[in-house]
Amino acid sequence: MSPVTRDYLIYGIATVIGFGVYFALHNGYAVDFSIAILVGFVATHGAVILGRRFL
């Protein structure tokens, strides 16, 4: 797998994880929008870091 393809895969998976965290917090647990989107961004960032380290 080329580095570019690997990065696209990591970014795609991280985006899905970030949106999943945001929607679960905002719609499932009725957390305020700003807190939910912030935690979603942090989850996306963490998923990218972990993906680059382990993939």
N, C-alpha and C. Protein backbone atom coordinates (compact mmCIF):
# COMPACT_ATOMS: atom_id res chain seq x y z
N MET A 1 0.85 -1.17 0.00
CA MET A 1 0.00 0.00 0.00
C MET A 1 0.90 1.24 0.00
N SER A 2 0.62 2.15 -0.89
CA SER A 2 1.44 3.36 -0.99
C SER A 2 1.13 4.29 0.20
N PRO A 3 2.05 5.18 0.53
CA PRO A 3 1.81 6.10 1.66
C PRO A 3 0.58 6.99 1.47
N VAL A 4 0.31 7.39 0.23
CA VAL A 4 -0.85 8.25 -0.02
C VAL A 4 -2.14 7.47 0.23
N THR A 5 -2.20 6.25 -0.27
CA THR A 5 -3.38 5.43 -0.05
C THR A 5 -3.58 5.14 1.44
N ARG A 6 -2.48 4.90 2.13
CA ARG A 6 -2.55 4.65 3.57
C ARG A 6 -3.08 5.88 4.31
N ASP A 7 -2.63 7.06 3.92
CA ASP A 7 -3.12 8.29 4.56
C ASP A 7 -4.60 8.50 4.29
N TYR A 8 -5.05 8.26 3.05
CA TYR A 8 -6.47 8.39 2.74
C TYR A 8 -7.30 7.42 3.59
N LEU A 9 -6.81 6.21 3.75
CA LEU A 9 -7.51 5.22 4.57
C LEU A 9 -7.59 5.69 6.03
N ILE A 10 -6.47 6.18 6.55
CA ILE A 10 -6.44 6.65 7.93
C ILE A 10 -7.39 7.83 8.11
N TYR A 11 -7.35 8.81 7.20
CA TYR A 11 -8.21 9.99 7.32
C TYR A 11 -9.69 9.61 7.19
N GLY A 12 -9.99 8.67 6.31
CA GLY A 12 -11.38 8.23 6.15
C GLY A 12 -11.92 7.56 7.40
N ILE A 13 -11.13 6.66 7.96
CA ILE A 13 -11.56 5.96 9.17
C ILE A 13 -11.66 6.95 10.33
N ALA A 14 -10.70 7.86 10.45
CA ALA A 14 -10.73 8.85 11.53
C ALA A 14 -11.94 9.78 11.41
N THR A 15 -12.31 10.14 10.18
CA THR A 15 -13.49 10.98 9.99
C THR A 15 -14.76 10.27 10.42
N VAL A 16 -14.88 9.00 10.08
CA VAL A 16 -16.05 8.22 10.50
C VAL A 16 -16.10 8.12 12.02
N ILE A 17 -14.96 7.89 12.66
CA ILE A 17 -14.91 7.80 14.12
C ILE A 17 -15.31 9.15 14.74
N GLY A 18 -14.78 10.24 14.21
CA GLY A 18 -15.11 11.56 14.74
C GLY A 18 -16.57 11.89 14.62
N PHE A 19 -17.16 11.63 13.45
CA PHE A 19 -18.60 11.88 13.28
C PHE A 19 -19.42 10.97 14.16
N GLY A 20 -18.98 9.73 14.32
CA GLY A 20 -19.71 8.80 15.20
C GLY A 20 -19.72 9.28 16.63
N VAL A 21 -18.58 9.75 17.11
CA VAL A 21 -18.50 10.27 18.48
C VAL A 21 -19.39 11.50 18.62
N TYR A 22 -19.31 12.40 17.64
CA TYR A 22 -20.14 13.61 17.70
C TYR A 22 -21.63 13.27 17.72
N PHE A 23 -22.08 12.43 16.78
CA PHE A 23 -23.50 12.11 16.72
C PHE A 23 -23.97 11.34 17.95
N ALA A 24 -23.13 10.47 18.49
CA ALA A 24 -23.52 9.74 19.69
C ALA A 24 -23.68 10.68 20.88
N LEU A 25 -22.76 11.62 21.02
CA LEU A 25 -22.86 12.56 22.14
C LEU A 25 -24.01 13.54 21.95
N HIS A 26 -24.11 14.11 20.76
CA HIS A 26 -25.10 15.17 20.54
C HIS A 26 -26.52 14.62 20.48
N ASN A 27 -26.72 13.53 19.77
CA ASN A 27 -28.07 13.00 19.60
C ASN A 27 -28.43 11.95 20.65
N GLY A 28 -27.46 11.14 21.04
CA GLY A 28 -27.76 10.06 21.99
C GLY A 28 -27.79 10.51 23.43
N TYR A 29 -26.84 11.36 23.81
CA TYR A 29 -26.73 11.77 25.20
C TYR A 29 -27.10 13.22 25.45
N ALA A 30 -27.56 13.92 24.43
CA ALA A 30 -28.02 15.31 24.53
C ALA A 30 -26.96 16.24 25.13
N VAL A 31 -25.71 16.04 24.71
CA VAL A 31 -24.63 16.94 25.12
C VAL A 31 -24.70 18.18 24.24
N ASP A 32 -24.31 19.32 24.80
CA ASP A 32 -24.32 20.58 24.06
C ASP A 32 -23.49 20.46 22.77
N PHE A 33 -23.90 21.19 21.74
CA PHE A 33 -23.27 21.10 20.43
C PHE A 33 -21.78 21.39 20.49
N SER A 34 -21.39 22.47 21.15
CA SER A 34 -19.98 22.87 21.14
C SER A 34 -19.09 21.83 21.83
N ILE A 35 -19.56 21.24 22.89
CA ILE A 35 -18.79 20.21 23.57
C ILE A 35 -18.73 18.95 22.72
N ALA A 36 -19.84 18.57 22.11
CA ALA A 36 -19.87 17.37 21.29
C ALA A 36 -18.96 17.50 20.08
N ILE A 37 -18.95 18.66 19.42
CA ILE A 37 -18.11 18.82 18.23
C ILE A 37 -16.64 18.88 18.64
N LEU A 38 -16.32 19.46 19.78
CA LEU A 38 -14.95 19.49 20.27
C LEU A 38 -14.44 18.09 20.56
N VAL A 39 -15.24 17.28 21.22
CA VAL A 39 -14.84 15.91 21.52
C VAL A 39 -14.73 15.10 20.22
N GLY A 40 -15.59 15.38 19.25
CA GLY A 40 -15.48 14.72 17.95
C GLY A 40 -14.18 15.05 17.24
N PHE A 41 -13.77 16.33 17.31
CA PHE A 41 -12.48 16.72 16.72
C PHE A 41 -11.31 16.05 17.43
N VAL A 42 -11.37 15.97 18.74
CA VAL A 42 -10.31 15.32 19.50
C VAL A 42 -10.25 13.83 19.15
N ALA A 43 -11.41 13.20 19.01
CA ALA A 43 -11.44 11.78 18.63
C ALA A 43 -10.87 11.58 17.23
N THR A 44 -11.16 12.49 16.31
CA THR A 44 -10.60 12.40 14.97
C THR A 44 -9.08 12.53 15.00
N HIS A 45 -8.60 13.50 15.75
CA HIS A 45 -7.16 13.71 15.86
C HIS A 45 -6.48 12.49 16.48
N GLY A 46 -7.06 11.95 17.52
CA GLY A 46 -6.50 10.76 18.16
C GLY A 46 -6.49 9.56 17.24
N ALA A 47 -7.55 9.41 16.45
CA ALA A 47 -7.61 8.28 15.51
C ALA A 47 -6.55 8.41 14.42
N VAL A 48 -6.27 9.63 13.97
CA VAL A 48 -5.22 9.83 12.96
C VAL A 48 -3.85 9.49 13.55
N ILE A 49 -3.59 9.94 14.76
CA ILE A 49 -2.30 9.64 15.40
C ILE A 49 -2.14 8.13 15.59
N LEU A 50 -3.16 7.47 16.10
CA LEU A 50 -3.06 6.03 16.31
C LEU A 50 -2.97 5.28 14.99
N GLY A 51 -3.68 5.75 13.98
CA GLY A 51 -3.61 5.11 12.67
C GLY A 51 -2.23 5.22 12.05
N ARG A 52 -1.62 6.38 12.19
CA ARG A 52 -0.26 6.54 11.64
C ARG A 52 0.75 5.70 12.39
N ARG A 53 0.50 5.48 13.67
CA ARG A 53 1.45 4.70 14.45
C ARG A 53 1.30 3.20 14.19
N PHE A 54 0.07 2.70 14.06
CA PHE A 54 -0.15 1.26 14.00
C PHE A 54 -0.47 0.71 12.62
N LEU A 55 -0.72 1.55 11.62
CA LEU A 55 -1.00 1.03 10.27
C LEU A 55 0.21 1.19 9.37
